[in-house]
C-alpha cells in the first residue's frame, strides 16, 4: 500500500492561511462530521486519539502520546501523527506530522472566525499569552490583517519579551486592561481556569477570540464579557457540553443557550450586524477541523508536486 508522508517543515512550506480558511468554508458545506475521542492512560502517560468522518471528504485519526517525563530526558513530551483515509475505499492516503496539523488547525480556526466577525479595518491586535499558540496566532492574523499593529501580554513579562524577539514588529503590553481597551481584536490563548478578560473592559466594535480553555473547568472571560457580546462557536457539538468557557455560564444561568448565535455549520448567521457589535468567538477545535486541515495539507502537497 502506498501513502504520502508529510513532515512538518516540508508540508508547511506549501500552505497559506487564506487557503486553509477556504478549505474550512468548503468543508462546512459538506454533511456534518461524525466525531469521536478516546483516551488511554498509564499514569502519568496518555494516549489521545481524535477521529472524524465527513461524507465526501474522508476520515482522519489524530493520535497524540503525552509522556510528561520525556523533557527530563531531553525528548519531546508530545508526539503523534494524523492518518488520513480516503472517503471512497478507506485506504490510507497520508501520514501527516501531528504538530503541523495542530498548529494550522488551531490558529486557522480562530483566523477563519475573525474573517467573518472582526471589522476588516481592524488595526490594533492584542495577543494574550506568549506560548507557542500565541506565536502561531501572530503568523495567522498577520496574513489577514497586514496593516495591523500587534502587542502581546503575558503574566510573566520575560516570556512576552521572548516572543517579541521571535516576532518582528510585535510589542509588549504592560497593562492588560489598558491593552484590551485599546484593541480592535483580542485573541487569547492562556491555560487559565479563572477569567483573565473582563467584560467591563470591552469596547464597541471589538472582536474577542478565545482559544485557551479546552477542559470543563477552564475559562478565559467572565460572565459580563459573554453577556455584552454576540457569541459564536466553531461547533455546538464540541463546545456547549465540553468546555468551561460555555458550559459554566450556561449551567449558572449567566447566559442561555440562545445566546450562542451560530457555529460554522450555520455560516449564513456567522457575521457581525454593525460596526459597534462586540463579537466573541470560542475556538473549541474538534476532530472534524483536524480532518479538514489534513485534507487541505494533502491537497496543497499534491498540487505542488
C-alpha atoms as a PDB file:
ATOM      1  CA  UNK A   1       0.000   0.000   0.000  1.00  0.00           C
ATOM      2  CA  UNK A   2       1.340   3.427  -0.965  1.00  0.00           C
ATOM      3  CA  UNK A   3       0.699   6.583   1.053  1.00  0.00           C
ATOM      4  CA  UNK A   4       2.189  10.064   1.354  1.00  0.00           C
ATOM      5  CA  UNK A   5       4.292  11.033   4.357  1.00  0.00           C
ATOM      6  CA  UNK A   6       4.184  14.784   5.070  1.00  0.00           C
ATOM      7  CA  UNK A   7       6.725  16.096   7.618  1.00  0.00           C
ATOM      8  CA  UNK A   8       6.390  19.462   9.346  1.00  0.00           C
ATOM      9  CA  UNK A   9       8.755  21.837   7.531  1.00  0.00           C
ATOM     10  CA  UNK A  10       8.244  20.466   4.030  1.00  0.00           C
ATOM     11  CA  UNK A  11       4.470  20.411   4.475  1.00  0.00           C
ATOM     12  CA  UNK A  12       4.197  23.880   5.970  1.00  0.00           C
ATOM     13  CA  UNK A  13       6.134  25.431   3.087  1.00  0.00           C
ATOM     14  CA  UNK A  14       3.214  24.658   0.780  1.00  0.00           C
ATOM     15  CA  UNK A  15       0.423  26.140   2.921  1.00  0.00           C
ATOM     16  CA  UNK A  16      -1.305  29.514   3.192  1.00  0.00           C
ATOM     17  CA  UNK A  17      -3.678  30.778   5.857  1.00  0.00           C
ATOM     18  CA  UNK A  18      -6.117  32.018   3.234  1.00  0.00           C
ATOM     19  CA  UNK A  19      -6.089  28.606   1.572  1.00  0.00           C
ATOM     20  CA  UNK A  20      -6.923  26.935   4.871  1.00  0.00           C
ATOM     21  CA  UNK A  21      -9.805  29.356   5.519  1.00  0.00           C
ATOM     22  CA  UNK A  22     -11.209  28.498   2.089  1.00  0.00           C
ATOM     23  CA  UNK A  23     -10.925  24.807   2.971  1.00  0.00           C
ATOM     24  CA  UNK A  24     -12.876  25.367   6.196  1.00  0.00           C
ATOM     25  CA  UNK A  25     -15.576  27.205   4.261  1.00  0.00           C
ATOM     26  CA  UNK A  26     -15.903  24.370   1.747  1.00  0.00           C
ATOM     27  CA  UNK A  27     -15.705  21.664   4.402  1.00  0.00           C
ATOM     28  CA  UNK A  28     -18.660  23.007   6.318  1.00  0.00           C
ATOM     29  CA  UNK A  29     -20.841  22.797   3.222  1.00  0.00           C
ATOM     30  CA  UNK A  30     -20.464  19.008   3.269  1.00  0.00           C
ATOM     31  CA  UNK A  31     -22.563  16.759   5.521  1.00  0.00           C
ATOM     32  CA  UNK A  32     -21.941  17.226   9.236  1.00  0.00           C
ATOM     33  CA  UNK A  33     -18.989  15.277  10.602  1.00  0.00           C
ATOM     34  CA  UNK A  34     -19.183  12.203  12.797  1.00  0.00           C
ATOM     35  CA  UNK A  35     -16.604  12.628  15.559  1.00  0.00           C
ATOM     36  CA  UNK A  36     -15.253  10.622  18.469  1.00  0.00           C
ATOM     37  CA  UNK A  37     -12.441  10.837  21.046  1.00  0.00           C
ATOM     38  CA  UNK A  38     -10.720   8.072  23.014  1.00  0.00           C
ATOM     39  CA  UNK A  39      -8.259   8.281  25.920  1.00  0.00           C
ATOM     40  CA  UNK A  40      -5.943   5.575  27.238  1.00  0.00           C
ATOM     41  CA  UNK A  41      -3.906   6.068  30.415  1.00  0.00           C
ATOM     42  CA  UNK A  42      -0.817   4.605  32.062  1.00  0.00           C
ATOM     43  CA  UNK A  43      -0.195   7.074  34.838  1.00  0.00           C
ATOM     44  CA  UNK A  44       1.267   9.612  34.144  1.00  0.00           C
ATOM     45  CA  UNK A  45       1.246   8.899  30.396  1.00  0.00           C
ATOM     46  CA  UNK A  46      -1.671   9.360  27.999  1.00  0.00           C
ATOM     47  CA  UNK A  47      -2.695   8.312  24.508  1.00  0.00           C
ATOM     48  CA  UNK A  48      -5.325  10.605  22.988  1.00  0.00           C
ATOM     49  CA  UNK A  49      -6.966   9.757  19.691  1.00  0.00           C
ATOM     50  CA  UNK A  50      -9.458  12.043  17.952  1.00  0.00           C
ATOM     51  CA  UNK A  51     -11.293  10.826  14.873  1.00  0.00           C
ATOM     52  CA  UNK A  52     -13.665  12.360  12.340  1.00  0.00           C
ATOM     53  CA  UNK A  53     -15.505  11.153   9.245  1.00  0.00           C
ATOM     54  CA  UNK A  54     -17.041  13.566   6.744  1.00  0.00           C
ATOM     55  CA  UNK A  55     -19.013  12.070   3.870  1.00  0.00           C
ATOM     56  CA  UNK A  56     -17.335  13.351   0.723  1.00  0.00           C
ATOM     57  CA  UNK A  57     -14.010  14.195   2.414  1.00  0.00           C
ATOM     58  CA  UNK A  58     -12.754  11.092   4.177  1.00  0.00           C
ATOM     59  CA  UNK A  59     -11.573  10.002   7.595  1.00  0.00           C
ATOM     60  CA  UNK A  60      -8.852  11.325   9.890  1.00  0.00           C
ATOM     61  CA  UNK A  61      -7.489   9.880  13.114  1.00  0.00           C
ATOM     62  CA  UNK A  62      -5.157  12.185  15.043  1.00  0.00           C
ATOM     63  CA  UNK A  63      -3.270  10.386  17.798  1.00  0.00           C
ATOM     64  CA  UNK A  64      -1.016  12.000  20.374  1.00  0.00           C
ATOM     65  CA  UNK A  65       1.123  10.453  23.089  1.00  0.00           C
ATOM     66  CA  UNK A  66       1.729  12.664  26.124  1.00  0.00           C
ATOM     67  CA  UNK A  67       4.648  11.483  28.269  1.00  0.00           C
ATOM     68  CA  UNK A  68       5.361  14.126  30.965  1.00  0.00           C
ATOM     69  CA  UNK A  69       8.687  12.514  31.879  1.00  0.00           C
ATOM     70  CA  UNK A  70      10.193  12.932  28.436  1.00  0.00           C
ATOM     71  CA  UNK A  71      11.511  16.516  28.762  1.00  0.00           C
ATOM     72  CA  UNK A  72      13.756  15.478  31.671  1.00  0.00           C
ATOM     73  CA  UNK A  73      15.410  13.062  29.233  1.00  0.00           C
ATOM     74  CA  UNK A  74      15.666  15.673  26.507  1.00  0.00           C
ATOM     75  CA  UNK A  75      12.772  14.259  24.486  1.00  0.00           C
ATOM     76  CA  UNK A  76       9.507  15.952  23.407  1.00  0.00           C
ATOM     77  CA  UNK A  77       6.582  15.484  25.795  1.00  0.00           C
ATOM     78  CA  UNK A  78       4.042  15.223  22.939  1.00  0.00           C
ATOM     79  CA  UNK A  79       4.441  13.037  19.865  1.00  0.00           C
ATOM     80  CA  UNK A  80       1.920  11.912  17.298  1.00  0.00           C
ATOM     81  CA  UNK A  81       0.636  11.771  13.750  1.00  0.00           C
ATOM     82  CA  UNK A  82      -2.534  12.094  11.706  1.00  0.00           C
ATOM     83  CA  UNK A  83      -3.682   9.236   9.496  1.00  0.00           C
ATOM     84  CA  UNK A  84      -5.839  10.462   6.596  1.00  0.00           C
ATOM     85  CA  UNK A  85      -8.004   7.873   4.862  1.00  0.00           C
ATOM     86  CA  UNK A  86      -9.793   8.030   1.511  1.00  0.00           C
ATOM     87  CA  UNK A  87     -13.533   8.553   1.582  1.00  0.00           C
ATOM     88  CA  UNK A  88     -14.278   6.102  -1.208  1.00  0.00           C
ATOM     89  CA  UNK A  89     -12.461   2.942  -0.106  1.00  0.00           C
ATOM     90  CA  UNK A  90     -10.909   3.718   3.282  1.00  0.00           C
ATOM     91  CA  UNK A  91      -7.315   3.325   2.133  1.00  0.00           C
ATOM     92  CA  UNK A  92      -4.565   5.254   3.922  1.00  0.00           C
ATOM     93  CA  UNK A  93      -3.730   8.331   1.848  1.00  0.00           C
ATOM     94  CA  UNK A  94      -1.345  10.260   4.068  1.00  0.00           C
ATOM     95  CA  UNK A  95       0.578  10.225   7.340  1.00  0.00           C
ATOM     96  CA  UNK A  96       0.930  13.850   8.444  1.00  0.00           C
ATOM     97  CA  UNK A  97       3.016  15.354  11.249  1.00  0.00           C
ATOM     98  CA  UNK A  98       0.846  15.868  14.343  1.00  0.00           C
ATOM     99  CA  UNK A  99       2.299  19.289  15.167  1.00  0.00           C
ATOM    100  CA  UNK A 100       1.747  20.564  11.615  1.00  0.00           C
ATOM    101  CA  UNK A 101      -1.959  19.715  11.707  1.00  0.00           C
ATOM    102  CA  UNK A 102      -2.432  21.056  15.241  1.00  0.00           C
ATOM    103  CA  UNK A 103      -0.664  24.365  14.546  1.00  0.00           C
ATOM    104  CA  UNK A 104      -2.615  25.161  11.406  1.00  0.00           C
ATOM    105  CA  UNK A 105      -5.955  23.836  12.695  1.00  0.00           C
ATOM    106  CA  UNK A 106      -5.838  25.851  15.926  1.00  0.00           C
ATOM    107  CA  UNK A 107      -4.665  29.204  14.585  1.00  0.00           C
ATOM    108  CA  UNK A 108      -6.623  28.786  11.347  1.00  0.00           C
ATOM    109  CA  UNK A 109      -9.843  28.128  13.276  1.00  0.00           C
ATOM    110  CA  UNK A 110      -9.514  31.496  15.008  1.00  0.00           C
ATOM    111  CA  UNK A 111      -8.477  33.292  11.835  1.00  0.00           C
ATOM    112  CA  UNK A 112     -11.451  31.908   9.897  1.00  0.00           C
ATOM    113  CA  UNK A 113     -13.823  33.253  12.552  1.00  0.00           C
ATOM    114  CA  UNK A 114     -12.073  36.638  12.531  1.00  0.00           C
ATOM    115  CA  UNK A 115     -12.512  36.944   8.763  1.00  0.00           C
ATOM    116  CA  UNK A 116     -16.261  36.612   9.377  1.00  0.00           C
ATOM    117  CA  UNK A 117     -16.652  38.568  12.635  1.00  0.00           C
ATOM    118  CA  UNK A 118     -13.870  41.147  13.052  1.00  0.00           C
ATOM    119  CA  UNK A 119     -14.068  44.537  11.377  1.00  0.00           C
ATOM    120  CA  UNK A 120     -11.971  44.453   8.188  1.00  0.00           C
ATOM    121  CA  UNK A 121     -10.366  47.759   9.203  1.00  0.00           C
ATOM    122  CA  UNK A 122      -9.034  46.337  12.497  1.00  0.00           C
ATOM    123  CA  UNK A 123      -5.601  47.824  13.163  1.00  0.00           C
ATOM    124  CA  UNK A 124      -4.770  47.024  16.813  1.00  0.00           C
ATOM    125  CA  UNK A 125      -4.462  43.319  17.677  1.00  0.00           C
ATOM    126  CA  UNK A 126      -3.680  42.100  21.182  1.00  0.00           C
ATOM    127  CA  UNK A 127      -2.407  38.575  21.804  1.00  0.00           C
ATOM    128  CA  UNK A 128      -2.920  37.339  25.373  1.00  0.00           C
ATOM    129  CA  UNK A 129      -0.487  34.528  26.133  1.00  0.00           C
ATOM    130  CA  UNK A 130       3.091  34.227  24.892  1.00  0.00           C
ATOM    131  CA  UNK A 131       3.323  30.499  24.249  1.00  0.00           C
ATOM    132  CA  UNK A 132       3.575  28.500  21.051  1.00  0.00           C
ATOM    133  CA  UNK A 133      -0.080  29.146  20.171  1.00  0.00           C
ATOM    134  CA  UNK A 134       0.426  32.887  20.641  1.00  0.00           C
ATOM    135  CA  UNK A 135       3.257  32.816  18.107  1.00  0.00           C
ATOM    136  CA  UNK A 136       1.091  30.883  15.663  1.00  0.00           C
ATOM    137  CA  UNK A 137      -1.731  33.397  16.108  1.00  0.00           C
ATOM    138  CA  UNK A 138       0.697  36.209  15.276  1.00  0.00           C
ATOM    139  CA  UNK A 139       1.549  34.479  11.980  1.00  0.00           C
ATOM    140  CA  UNK A 140      -2.080  33.735  11.114  1.00  0.00           C
ATOM    141  CA  UNK A 141      -3.528  37.152  11.944  1.00  0.00           C
ATOM    142  CA  UNK A 142      -0.628  38.942  10.231  1.00  0.00           C
ATOM    143  CA  UNK A 143      -1.610  37.270   6.973  1.00  0.00           C
ATOM    144  CA  UNK A 144      -5.172  38.639   7.038  1.00  0.00           C
ATOM    145  CA  UNK A 145      -4.512  41.990   8.730  1.00  0.00           C
ATOM    146  CA  UNK A 146      -1.157  43.044   7.222  1.00  0.00           C
ATOM    147  CA  UNK A 147      -1.521  46.686   8.313  1.00  0.00           C
ATOM    148  CA  UNK A 148      -2.262  45.847  11.950  1.00  0.00           C
ATOM    149  CA  UNK A 149      -0.040  46.651  14.935  1.00  0.00           C
ATOM    150  CA  UNK A 150       0.415  43.747  17.334  1.00  0.00           C
ATOM    151  CA  UNK A 151       1.007  43.678  21.076  1.00  0.00           C
ATOM    152  CA  UNK A 152       1.337  40.721  23.457  1.00  0.00           C
ATOM    153  CA  UNK A 153       0.536  40.473  27.157  1.00  0.00           C
ATOM    154  CA  UNK A 154       1.663  37.623  29.364  1.00  0.00           C
ATOM    155  CA  UNK A 155       1.591  37.099  33.126  1.00  0.00           C
ATOM    156  CA  UNK A 156       5.370  36.637  33.016  1.00  0.00           C
ATOM    157  CA  UNK A 157       6.814  39.619  31.178  1.00  0.00           C
ATOM    158  CA  UNK A 158      10.060  37.895  30.239  1.00  0.00           C
ATOM    159  CA  UNK A 159       8.074  35.340  28.221  1.00  0.00           C
ATOM    160  CA  UNK A 160       6.346  38.169  26.363  1.00  0.00           C
ATOM    161  CA  UNK A 161       9.747  39.703  25.672  1.00  0.00           C
ATOM    162  CA  UNK A 162      10.990  36.370  24.326  1.00  0.00           C
ATOM    163  CA  UNK A 163       8.012  36.221  21.969  1.00  0.00           C
ATOM    164  CA  UNK A 164       8.722  39.774  20.772  1.00  0.00           C
ATOM    165  CA  UNK A 165      12.244  38.649  19.894  1.00  0.00           C
ATOM    166  CA  UNK A 166      10.743  35.898  17.704  1.00  0.00           C
ATOM    167  CA  UNK A 167       8.051  38.053  16.053  1.00  0.00           C
ATOM    168  CA  UNK A 168       9.282  41.200  14.241  1.00  0.00           C
ATOM    169  CA  UNK A 169       7.038  44.204  14.825  1.00  0.00           C
ATOM    170  CA  UNK A 170       5.407  42.802  17.967  1.00  0.00           C
ATOM    171  CA  UNK A 171       5.409  44.949  21.141  1.00  0.00           C
ATOM    172  CA  UNK A 172       4.937  44.076  24.821  1.00  0.00           C
ATOM    173  CA  UNK A 173       1.750  45.310  26.502  1.00  0.00           C
ATOM    174  CA  UNK A 174       2.492  46.344  30.074  1.00  0.00           C
ATOM    175  CA  UNK A 175      -1.077  46.508  31.412  1.00  0.00           C
ATOM    176  CA  UNK A 176      -3.765  44.032  30.345  1.00  0.00           C
ATOM    177  CA  UNK A 177      -6.802  46.250  30.940  1.00  0.00           C
ATOM    178  CA  UNK A 178      -5.300  49.149  29.001  1.00  0.00           C
ATOM    179  CA  UNK A 179      -4.287  46.843  26.160  1.00  0.00           C
ATOM    180  CA  UNK A 180      -7.747  45.252  25.909  1.00  0.00           C
ATOM    181  CA  UNK A 181      -9.497  48.627  25.903  1.00  0.00           C
ATOM    182  CA  UNK A 182      -7.269  49.815  23.058  1.00  0.00           C
ATOM    183  CA  UNK A 183      -7.522  46.738  20.832  1.00  0.00           C
ATOM    184  CA  UNK A 184      -9.730  46.075  17.824  1.00  0.00           C
ATOM    185  CA  UNK A 185      -9.107  42.333  18.135  1.00  0.00           C
ATOM    186  CA  UNK A 186      -8.198  40.448  21.300  1.00  0.00           C
ATOM    187  CA  UNK A 187      -7.021  36.869  20.782  1.00  0.00           C
ATOM    188  CA  UNK A 188      -6.396  34.914  23.969  1.00  0.00           C
ATOM    189  CA  UNK A 189      -4.512  31.621  24.365  1.00  0.00           C
ATOM    190  CA  UNK A 190      -3.866  31.031  28.064  1.00  0.00           C
ATOM    191  CA  UNK A 191      -4.150  27.970  30.299  1.00  0.00           C
ATOM    192  CA  UNK A 192      -6.307  29.807  32.824  1.00  0.00           C
ATOM    193  CA  UNK A 193      -9.110  28.269  34.859  1.00  0.00           C
ATOM    194  CA  UNK A 194     -10.188  31.727  36.063  1.00  0.00           C
ATOM    195  CA  UNK A 195     -11.217  34.561  33.720  1.00  0.00           C
ATOM    196  CA  UNK A 196      -8.383  36.869  32.692  1.00  0.00           C
ATOM    197  CA  UNK A 197     -10.541  39.061  30.425  1.00  0.00           C
ATOM    198  CA  UNK A 198     -13.321  41.198  31.913  1.00  0.00           C
ATOM    199  CA  UNK A 199     -16.362  42.343  30.010  1.00  0.00           C
ATOM    200  CA  UNK A 200     -16.207  45.814  31.542  1.00  0.00           C
ATOM    201  CA  UNK A 201     -13.026  46.362  29.514  1.00  0.00           C
ATOM    202  CA  UNK A 202     -14.645  45.547  26.156  1.00  0.00           C
ATOM    203  CA  UNK A 203     -15.316  48.350  23.671  1.00  0.00           C
ATOM    204  CA  UNK A 204     -17.893  48.688  20.865  1.00  0.00           C
ATOM    205  CA  UNK A 205     -16.664  47.164  17.621  1.00  0.00           C
ATOM    206  CA  UNK A 206     -14.207  44.720  19.158  1.00  0.00           C
ATOM    207  CA  UNK A 207     -13.757  41.087  18.253  1.00  0.00           C
ATOM    208  CA  UNK A 208     -12.770  38.726  21.081  1.00  0.00           C
ATOM    209  CA  UNK A 209     -11.185  35.379  20.155  1.00  0.00           C
ATOM    210  CA  UNK A 210     -10.844  32.726  22.882  1.00  0.00           C
ATOM    211  CA  UNK A 211      -8.601  29.703  22.343  1.00  0.00           C
ATOM    212  CA  UNK A 212      -7.109  28.592  25.652  1.00  0.00           C
ATOM    213  CA  UNK A 213      -9.925  26.852  27.523  1.00  0.00           C
ATOM    214  CA  UNK A 214     -10.397  23.227  26.485  1.00  0.00           C
ATOM    215  CA  UNK A 215     -11.493  21.486  29.717  1.00  0.00           C
ATOM    216  CA  UNK A 216     -14.803  21.794  31.619  1.00  0.00           C
ATOM    217  CA  UNK A 217     -13.047  23.749  34.407  1.00  0.00           C
ATOM    218  CA  UNK A 218     -11.301  26.292  32.173  1.00  0.00           C
ATOM    219  CA  UNK A 219     -12.363  29.748  31.009  1.00  0.00           C
ATOM    220  CA  UNK A 220     -10.693  32.996  29.920  1.00  0.00           C
ATOM    221  CA  UNK A 221     -13.562  35.528  30.003  1.00  0.00           C
ATOM    222  CA  UNK A 222     -16.022  36.442  32.752  1.00  0.00           C
ATOM    223  CA  UNK A 223     -19.819  36.363  32.595  1.00  0.00           C
ATOM    224  CA  UNK A 224     -20.036  40.077  31.809  1.00  0.00           C
ATOM    225  CA  UNK A 225     -17.915  39.566  28.710  1.00  0.00           C
ATOM    226  CA  UNK A 226     -20.219  36.865  27.387  1.00  0.00           C
ATOM    227  CA  UNK A 227     -23.331  38.872  28.240  1.00  0.00           C
ATOM    228  CA  UNK A 228     -22.108  42.004  26.433  1.00  0.00           C
ATOM    229  CA  UNK A 229     -21.057  40.158  23.280  1.00  0.00           C
ATOM    230  CA  UNK A 230     -22.691  38.405  20.365  1.00  0.00           C
ATOM    231  CA  UNK A 231     -21.302  34.898  20.923  1.00  0.00           C
ATOM    232  CA  UNK A 232     -20.273  32.366  18.257  1.00  0.00           C
ATOM    233  CA  UNK A 233     -18.546  28.970  18.407  1.00  0.00           C
ATOM    234  CA  UNK A 234     -16.858  26.757  15.839  1.00  0.00           C
ATOM    235  CA  UNK A 235     -19.064  23.778  16.725  1.00  0.00           C
ATOM    236  CA  UNK A 236     -22.012  23.497  19.092  1.00  0.00           C
ATOM    237  CA  UNK A 237     -21.257  19.777  19.449  1.00  0.00           C
ATOM    238  CA  UNK A 238     -17.702  20.218  20.737  1.00  0.00           C
ATOM    239  CA  UNK A 239     -18.128  23.292  22.955  1.00  0.00           C
ATOM    240  CA  UNK A 240     -21.530  23.548  24.674  1.00  0.00           C
ATOM    241  CA  UNK A 241     -21.262  20.489  26.934  1.00  0.00           C
ATOM    242  CA  UNK A 242     -17.486  20.153  26.999  1.00  0.00           C
ATOM    243  CA  UNK A 243     -15.674  23.451  27.586  1.00  0.00           C
ATOM    244  CA  UNK A 244     -15.966  25.587  30.712  1.00  0.00           C
ATOM    245  CA  UNK A 245     -15.975  28.824  28.708  1.00  0.00           C
ATOM    246  CA  UNK A 246     -19.511  27.953  27.597  1.00  0.00           C
ATOM    247  CA  UNK A 247     -20.582  25.146  29.940  1.00  0.00           C
ATOM    248  CA  UNK A 248     -20.071  27.020  33.249  1.00  0.00           C
ATOM    249  CA  UNK A 249     -22.077  30.187  32.398  1.00  0.00           C
ATOM    250  CA  UNK A 250     -24.831  28.068  30.834  1.00  0.00           C
ATOM    251  CA  UNK A 251     -25.095  25.961  33.995  1.00  0.00           C
ATOM    252  CA  UNK A 252     -25.186  29.021  36.260  1.00  0.00           C
ATOM    253  CA  UNK A 253     -27.794  30.807  34.129  1.00  0.00           C
ATOM    254  CA  UNK A 254     -25.431  33.676  33.296  1.00  0.00           C
ATOM    255  CA  UNK A 255     -26.301  33.065  29.648  1.00  0.00           C
ATOM    256  CA  UNK A 256     -28.937  30.939  27.937  1.00  0.00           C
ATOM    257  CA  UNK A 257     -28.499  28.536  25.047  1.00  0.00           C
ATOM    258  CA  UNK A 258     -29.979  31.007  22.556  1.00  0.00           C
ATOM    259  CA  UNK A 259     -27.166  33.435  23.413  1.00  0.00           C
ATOM    260  CA  UNK A 260     -24.944  31.238  21.217  1.00  0.00           C
ATOM    261  CA  UNK A 261     -25.858  32.596  17.797  1.00  0.00           C
ATOM    262  CA  UNK A 262     -24.163  30.324  15.259  1.00  0.00           C
ATOM    263  CA  UNK A 263     -21.445  27.817  14.548  1.00  0.00           C
ATOM    264  CA  UNK A 264     -19.608  27.015  11.310  1.00  0.00           C
ATOM    265  CA  UNK A 265     -22.443  24.769  10.181  1.00  0.00           C
ATOM    266  CA  UNK A 266     -24.706  27.848  10.176  1.00  0.00           C
ATOM    267  CA  UNK A 267     -22.361  30.203   8.352  1.00  0.00           C
ATOM    268  CA  UNK A 268     -25.202  32.314   6.967  1.00  0.00           C
ATOM    269  CA  UNK A 269     -25.721  33.604  10.530  1.00  0.00           C
ATOM    270  CA  UNK A 270     -21.996  33.863  11.281  1.00  0.00           C
ATOM    271  CA  UNK A 271     -21.459  37.624  10.930  1.00  0.00           C
ATOM    272  CA  UNK A 272     -21.496  40.932  12.744  1.00  0.00           C
ATOM    273  CA  UNK A 273     -24.581  43.107  12.336  1.00  0.00           C
ATOM    274  CA  UNK A 274     -22.959  46.516  12.836  1.00  0.00           C
ATOM    275  CA  UNK A 275     -19.586  48.176  13.343  1.00  0.00           C
ATOM    276  CA  UNK A 276     -20.458  48.611  17.030  1.00  0.00           C
ATOM    277  CA  UNK A 277     -21.098  44.923  17.741  1.00  0.00           C
ATOM    278  CA  UNK A 278     -18.830  43.219  20.243  1.00  0.00           C
ATOM    279  CA  UNK A 279     -18.340  39.765  18.726  1.00  0.00           C
ATOM    280  CA  UNK A 280     -16.916  36.860  20.720  1.00  0.00           C
ATOM    281  CA  UNK A 281     -15.748  33.540  19.291  1.00  0.00           C
ATOM    282  CA  UNK A 282     -14.935  30.362  21.193  1.00  0.00           C
ATOM    283  CA  UNK A 283     -12.365  28.211  19.394  1.00  0.00           C
ATOM    284  CA  UNK A 284     -13.074  24.672  20.580  1.00  0.00           C
ATOM    285  CA  UNK A 285     -11.113  22.752  17.988  1.00  0.00           C
ATOM    286  CA  UNK A 286     -12.566  19.356  17.205  1.00  0.00           C
ATOM    287  CA  UNK A 287     -11.538  16.365  15.156  1.00  0.00           C
ATOM    288  CA  UNK A 288     -13.617  17.495  12.168  1.00  0.00           C
ATOM    289  CA  UNK A 289     -11.348  20.545  11.859  1.00  0.00           C
ATOM    290  CA  UNK A 290      -8.297  18.277  12.064  1.00  0.00           C
ATOM    291  CA  UNK A 291      -9.776  16.336   9.137  1.00  0.00           C
ATOM    292  CA  UNK A 292     -10.426  19.479   7.094  1.00  0.00           C
ATOM    293  CA  UNK A 293      -6.910  20.741   7.850  1.00  0.00           C
ATOM    294  CA  UNK A 294      -5.315  17.396   6.973  1.00  0.00           C
ATOM    295  CA  UNK A 295      -7.203  17.213   3.676  1.00  0.00           C
ATOM    296  CA  UNK A 296      -6.074  20.770   2.845  1.00  0.00           C
ATOM    297  CA  UNK A 297      -2.443  19.864   3.681  1.00  0.00           C
ATOM    298  CA  UNK A 298      -2.529  16.802   1.408  1.00  0.00           C
ATOM    299  CA  UNK A 299      -4.219  18.743  -1.404  1.00  0.00           C
ATOM    300  CA  UNK A 300      -1.591  21.506  -1.164  1.00  0.00           C
ATOM    301  CA  UNK A 301       1.202  18.898  -1.107  1.00  0.00           C
ATOM    302  CA  UNK A 302      -0.109  17.179  -4.226  1.00  0.00           C
ATOM    303  CA  UNK A 303      -0.716  20.468  -6.033  1.00  0.00           C
ATOM    304  CA  UNK A 304       2.925  21.433  -5.506  1.00  0.00           C
ATOM    305  CA  UNK A 305       4.304  18.094  -6.666  1.00  0.00           C
END
